[in-house]
Protein backbone atom coordinates (compact mmCIF):
# COMPACT_ATOMS: atom_id res chain seq x y z
CA MET A 1 0.00 0.00 0.00
CA LEU A 2 2.82 2.37 0.82
CA LEU A 3 4.47 1.69 -2.54
CA VAL A 4 1.30 2.71 -4.39
CA ALA A 5 1.10 5.99 -2.47
CA ARG A 6 4.74 6.80 -3.26
CA PHE A 7 4.27 5.99 -6.94
CA THR A 8 1.20 8.20 -7.36
CA THR A 9 2.80 11.16 -5.61
CA SER A 10 5.96 10.84 -7.69
CA VAL A 11 3.90 10.77 -10.89
CA VAL A 12 2.13 13.96 -9.85
CA TYR A 13 5.41 15.70 -9.07
CA ARG A 14 6.97 14.66 -12.39
CA SER A 15 4.04 15.74 -14.56
CA HIS A 16 4.63 18.85 -16.65
CA CYS A 17 1.06 19.78 -17.46
CA GLU A 18 -0.40 23.19 -16.74
CA LYS A 19 -3.08 23.49 -14.12
CA GLY A 20 -6.43 25.09 -14.61
CA PRO A 21 -9.71 24.49 -16.41
CA GLY A 22 -9.31 23.49 -20.05
CA LYS A 23 -5.52 23.07 -19.90
CA ASN A 24 -5.62 19.25 -19.98
CA LEU A 25 -7.83 18.98 -23.09
CA PRO A 26 -6.41 17.90 -26.47
CA PHE A 27 -7.91 21.00 -28.12
CA SER A 28 -7.94 24.71 -27.36
CA VAL A 29 -10.96 26.35 -25.77
CA GLU A 30 -9.54 29.87 -25.98
CA ILE A 31 -11.24 30.78 -29.30
CA LYS A 32 -14.90 29.97 -28.69
CA TRP A 33 -16.19 30.44 -32.26
CA TRP A 34 -13.50 28.16 -33.74
CA LEU A 35 -14.36 25.49 -31.18
CA LEU A 36 -18.04 25.85 -32.12
CA VAL A 37 -17.28 25.43 -35.83
CA ARG A 38 -15.09 22.38 -35.28
CA MET A 39 -17.54 20.67 -32.93
CA THR A 40 -20.48 21.41 -35.25
CA LEU A 41 -18.69 19.91 -38.24
CA TYR A 42 -17.64 16.88 -36.20
CA PHE A 43 -21.12 16.11 -34.88
CA GLU A 44 -22.87 16.93 -38.18
CA SER A 45 -20.62 14.56 -40.09
CA GLY A 46 -21.30 11.76 -37.60
CA PHE A 47 -25.03 12.35 -37.84
CA ALA A 48 -25.06 12.56 -41.66
CA ILE A 49 -23.02 9.43 -42.42
CA PRO A 50 -25.91 6.94 -41.94
CA PHE A 51 -28.18 8.99 -44.21
CA PHE A 52 -25.58 9.19 -46.99
CA THR A 53 -24.83 5.50 -46.61
CA PHE A 54 -28.51 4.61 -46.91
CA ARG A 55 -29.01 6.86 -49.95
CA HIS A 56 -26.04 5.46 -51.86
């Protein structure tokens, strides 16, 4: 049990990630309109694929 506690604390100390909301995401949330465009295109394409597949 003690070994697990030491390992997890050492991992936290060695991590080089920034702290704060949105800093650990794989995309930027700084530019809201660009995030909206990208998410809209992503979800629209996923929703449209079954309809295009059925039509063709």
